[in-house]
C-alpha cells in the first residue's frame, strides 16, 4: 500500500507542473504562456530552484529550435522535465522568445538575478 501511495504522490507532483493543456485563448503573450506552462517550476524570471533540482532555464545555451524540440518532443534519458507533446509549435516559439527576453534581462541585471539563482 505504501509504495502505491508514494507513486501516486510523485505522479501528482510531476503532473502539477506539466500544464500540457492548450485551450487558453486569453493567453497570447510569451510572458503569459511562460507563466502558465513554465513558471511553476522555473519561476517567473526563469531562475529555477537549484535546491529542488530545477535548473534556471534562462541559462540555456540552446538555440530556439533546440528549445522548441526539447519542450515538445525530446524524451532523453536524463530528462526530468515533462514533455509538452500537445503544445503547438507556434506556442513553443512564443515561449522561447520570452525566454530569450528573460535572458537579456539576466545579462543586463545579472548581479540582481544571480542572487535569485542562489536563494531558494
Protein backbone atom coordinates (compact mmCIF):
# COMPACT_ATOMS: atom_id res chain seq x y z
CA UNK A 1 0.00 0.00 0.00
CA UNK A 2 2.77 2.43 0.93
CA UNK A 3 4.64 2.16 -2.46
CA UNK A 4 1.34 2.82 -4.25
CA UNK A 5 0.76 5.95 -2.20
CA UNK A 6 4.30 7.15 -2.87
CA UNK A 7 3.89 6.56 -6.61
CA UNK A 8 0.61 8.47 -6.61
CA UNK A 9 2.21 11.42 -4.79
CA UNK A 10 5.08 11.54 -7.28
CA UNK A 11 2.67 11.42 -10.22
CA UNK A 12 0.60 14.28 -8.80
CA UNK A 13 3.65 16.43 -8.13
CA UNK A 14 5.08 15.86 -11.62
CA UNK A 15 1.77 16.34 -13.40
CA UNK A 16 1.17 19.54 -11.46
CA UNK A 17 3.97 21.30 -13.31
CA UNK A 18 3.27 19.88 -16.75
CA UNK A 19 0.30 22.09 -17.73
CA UNK A 20 0.08 20.40 -21.17
CA UNK A 21 -3.36 21.95 -21.71
CA UNK A 22 -3.60 24.34 -24.63
CA UNK A 23 -7.17 25.59 -24.70
CA UNK A 24 -6.35 29.01 -23.28
CA UNK A 25 -7.34 31.65 -25.84
CA UNK A 26 -6.76 34.55 -23.43
CA UNK A 27 -3.09 33.65 -23.01
CA UNK A 28 -1.36 35.12 -26.03
CA UNK A 29 1.90 36.75 -24.98
CA UNK A 30 5.14 34.93 -24.32
CA UNK A 31 5.08 36.07 -20.71
CA UNK A 32 1.54 34.76 -20.17
CA UNK A 33 2.32 31.41 -21.78
CA UNK A 34 5.63 31.09 -19.92
CA UNK A 35 3.93 31.85 -16.62
CA UNK A 36 1.19 29.30 -17.34
CA UNK A 37 3.42 26.46 -18.56
CA UNK A 38 6.87 27.08 -17.05
CA UNK A 39 6.88 29.46 -14.08
CA UNK A 40 5.53 26.93 -11.59
CA UNK A 41 8.85 25.10 -11.79
CA UNK A 42 11.30 27.59 -13.33
CA UNK A 43 9.95 30.76 -11.69
CA UNK A 44 8.65 33.88 -13.43
CA UNK A 45 12.23 35.08 -14.04
CA UNK A 46 13.38 31.67 -15.30
CA UNK A 47 15.83 31.33 -12.43
CA UNK A 48 14.63 27.86 -11.36
CA UNK A 49 15.35 26.48 -7.92
CA UNK A 50 18.66 24.69 -7.67
CA UNK A 51 17.82 23.34 -4.22
CA UNK A 52 14.89 21.45 -5.74
CA UNK A 53 16.98 20.37 -8.73
CA UNK A 54 15.15 22.69 -11.13
CA UNK A 55 17.62 24.47 -13.41
CA UNK A 56 17.49 28.11 -14.36
CA UNK A 57 16.20 27.84 -17.90
CA UNK A 58 17.46 31.37 -18.60
CA UNK A 59 20.96 29.91 -18.58
CA UNK A 60 20.31 27.56 -21.51
CA UNK A 61 22.75 27.68 -24.40
CA UNK A 62 20.29 26.06 -26.82
CA UNK A 63 19.04 27.90 -29.89
CA UNK A 64 15.34 28.49 -30.48
CA UNK A 65 14.70 25.31 -32.49
CA UNK A 66 16.55 23.15 -29.96
CA UNK A 67 14.46 24.61 -27.12
CA UNK A 68 11.22 24.02 -29.04
CA UNK A 69 12.27 20.42 -29.69
CA UNK A 70 13.19 19.95 -26.04
CA UNK A 71 9.86 21.35 -24.85
CA UNK A 72 7.64 19.41 -27.25
CA UNK A 73 9.30 16.14 -28.27
CA UNK A 74 12.69 15.38 -26.69
CA UNK A 75 12.41 12.41 -24.34
CA UNK A 76 16.08 11.86 -23.48
CA UNK A 77 17.02 9.52 -20.66
CA UNK A 78 18.34 12.28 -18.39
CA UNK A 79 15.15 14.32 -18.72
CA UNK A 80 13.20 15.25 -15.61
CA UNK A 81 11.03 17.98 -17.15
CA UNK A 82 7.73 16.79 -18.62
CA UNK A 83 7.33 16.78 -22.41
CA UNK A 84 4.64 19.15 -23.67
CA UNK A 85 3.66 16.93 -26.60
CA UNK A 86 0.30 18.65 -27.12
CA UNK A 87 1.86 22.11 -27.34
CA UNK A 88 1.57 23.71 -30.79
CA UNK A 89 4.92 24.70 -32.30
CA UNK A 90 3.85 28.35 -32.51
CA UNK A 91 3.11 28.41 -28.78
CA UNK A 92 6.50 26.88 -28.01
CA UNK A 93 8.11 29.50 -30.27
CA UNK A 94 6.40 32.35 -28.39
CA UNK A 95 7.55 30.87 -25.07
CA UNK A 96 11.16 30.63 -26.28
CA UNK A 97 11.05 34.24 -27.43
CA UNK A 98 10.02 35.23 -23.90
CA UNK A 99 12.79 33.05 -22.50
CA UNK A 100 15.30 34.96 -24.65
CA UNK A 101 13.84 38.22 -23.29
CA UNK A 102 14.41 36.90 -19.77
CA UNK A 103 17.99 36.02 -20.76
CA UNK A 104 18.59 39.59 -21.93
CA UNK A 105 17.27 40.87 -18.60
CA UNK A 106 19.60 38.46 -16.83
CA UNK A 107 22.54 39.65 -18.94
CA UNK A 108 21.73 43.29 -18.12
CA UNK A 109 20.85 42.86 -14.47
CA UNK A 110 22.97 39.81 -13.78
CA UNK A 111 24.07 40.69 -10.28
CA UNK A 112 20.48 41.16 -9.09
CA UNK A 113 19.21 37.98 -10.72
CA UNK A 114 22.24 35.90 -9.68
CA UNK A 115 21.02 36.34 -6.12
CA UNK A 116 17.71 34.73 -7.17
CA UNK A 117 19.65 31.76 -8.52
CA UNK A 118 21.31 31.24 -5.16
CA UNK A 119 18.35 31.77 -2.82
CA UNK A 120 15.57 29.13 -2.58
